[in-house]
Amino acid sequence: MIDIEVLKIALSKEVNAIETYQEMLSQHPSLTGLLSFLITEEQKHRMMIEKKIAELTRN
């Protein structure tokens, strides 16, 4: 169970990062390229963590 708890913490960090970058994007449209890239990367990380949590909870 400890592994899943660590992954849930990591997942919350990814979600927070996505939200932060989205807020920054609305405030700094000149950084659209960079912030969009970072949002996409964080979304990839979120999906990987969610997949691993799903794998661990099935077993």
C-alpha atoms as a PDB file:
ATOM      1  CA  MET A   1       0.000   0.000   0.000  1.00  0.00           C
ATOM      2  CA  ILE A   2       2.890   2.383   0.592  1.00  0.00           C
ATOM      3  CA  ASP A   3       3.708   2.434  -3.142  1.00  0.00           C
ATOM      4  CA  ILE A   4       0.185   3.548  -3.982  1.00  0.00           C
ATOM      5  CA  GLU A   5       0.293   6.306  -1.370  1.00  0.00           C
ATOM      6  CA  VAL A   6       3.553   7.642  -2.814  1.00  0.00           C
ATOM      7  CA  LEU A   7       2.070   7.554  -6.303  1.00  0.00           C
ATOM      8  CA  LYS A   8      -1.012   9.429  -5.093  1.00  0.00           C
ATOM      9  CA  ILE A   9       1.219  12.148  -3.663  1.00  0.00           C
ATOM     10  CA  ALA A  10       3.122  12.330  -6.943  1.00  0.00           C
ATOM     11  CA  LEU A  11      -0.171  12.507  -8.818  1.00  0.00           C
ATOM     12  CA  SER A  12      -1.332  15.442  -6.733  1.00  0.00           C
ATOM     13  CA  LYS A  13       1.953  17.239  -7.479  1.00  0.00           C
ATOM     14  CA  GLU A  14       1.435  16.720 -11.209  1.00  0.00           C
ATOM     15  CA  VAL A  15      -2.137  18.010 -11.031  1.00  0.00           C
ATOM     16  CA  ASN A  16      -0.972  21.066  -9.077  1.00  0.00           C
ATOM     17  CA  ALA A  17       1.750  21.731 -11.643  1.00  0.00           C
ATOM     18  CA  ILE A  18      -0.773  21.548 -14.492  1.00  0.00           C
ATOM     19  CA  GLU A  19      -3.049  23.994 -12.699  1.00  0.00           C
ATOM     20  CA  THR A  20      -0.152  26.353 -11.980  1.00  0.00           C
ATOM     21  CA  TYR A  21       1.003  26.356 -15.596  1.00  0.00           C
ATOM     22  CA  GLN A  22      -2.567  26.926 -16.792  1.00  0.00           C
ATOM     23  CA  GLU A  23      -2.904  29.933 -14.478  1.00  0.00           C
ATOM     24  CA  MET A  24       0.435  31.271 -15.657  1.00  0.00           C
ATOM     25  CA  LEU A  25      -0.671  30.809 -19.264  1.00  0.00           C
ATOM     26  CA  SER A  26      -3.690  33.040 -18.729  1.00  0.00           C
ATOM     27  CA  GLN A  27      -1.494  35.698 -17.115  1.00  0.00           C
ATOM     28  CA  HIS A  28       1.455  35.493 -19.517  1.00  0.00           C
ATOM     29  CA  PRO A  29       0.260  34.758 -23.060  1.00  0.00           C
ATOM     30  CA  SER A  30       3.722  35.576 -24.396  1.00  0.00           C
ATOM     31  CA  LEU A  31       4.888  32.293 -22.823  1.00  0.00           C
ATOM     32  CA  THR A  32       2.269  30.173 -24.589  1.00  0.00           C
ATOM     33  CA  GLY A  33       4.787  27.913 -26.332  1.00  0.00           C
ATOM     34  CA  LEU A  34       6.755  27.082 -23.209  1.00  0.00           C
ATOM     35  CA  LEU A  35       3.797  26.758 -20.873  1.00  0.00           C
ATOM     36  CA  SER A  36       1.821  24.635 -23.329  1.00  0.00           C
ATOM     37  CA  PHE A  37       4.808  22.319 -23.611  1.00  0.00           C
ATOM     38  CA  LEU A  38       5.099  22.063 -19.832  1.00  0.00           C
ATOM     39  CA  ILE A  39       1.366  21.386 -19.459  1.00  0.00           C
ATOM     40  CA  THR A  40       1.607  18.597 -22.028  1.00  0.00           C
ATOM     41  CA  GLU A  41       4.577  17.046 -20.229  1.00  0.00           C
ATOM     42  CA  GLU A  42       2.822  17.161 -16.862  1.00  0.00           C
ATOM     43  CA  GLN A  43      -0.277  15.585 -18.421  1.00  0.00           C
ATOM     44  CA  LYS A  44       1.906  12.727 -19.715  1.00  0.00           C
ATOM     45  CA  HIS A  45       3.335  12.240 -16.233  1.00  0.00           C
ATOM     46  CA  ARG A  46      -0.171  12.289 -14.742  1.00  0.00           C
ATOM     47  CA  MET A  47      -1.328   9.609 -17.164  1.00  0.00           C
ATOM     48  CA  MET A  48       1.687   7.398 -16.394  1.00  0.00           C
ATOM     49  CA  ILE A  49       1.096   7.682 -12.651  1.00  0.00           C
ATOM     50  CA  GLU A  50      -2.638   7.006 -13.024  1.00  0.00           C
ATOM     51  CA  LYS A  51      -1.847   3.925 -15.116  1.00  0.00           C
ATOM     52  CA  LYS A  52       0.576   2.617 -12.484  1.00  0.00           C
ATOM     53  CA  ILE A  53      -1.936   3.216  -9.685  1.00  0.00           C
ATOM     54  CA  ALA A  54      -4.551   1.306 -11.701  1.00  0.00           C
ATOM     55  CA  GLU A  55      -2.107  -1.574 -12.211  1.00  0.00           C
ATOM     56  CA  LEU A  56      -1.265  -1.777  -8.526  1.00  0.00           C
ATOM     57  CA  THR A  57      -4.866  -1.607  -7.372  1.00  0.00           C
ATOM     58  CA  ARG A  58      -5.956  -4.407  -9.728  1.00  0.00           C
ATOM     59  CA  ASN A  59      -3.572  -6.874  -8.133  1.00  0.00           C
END
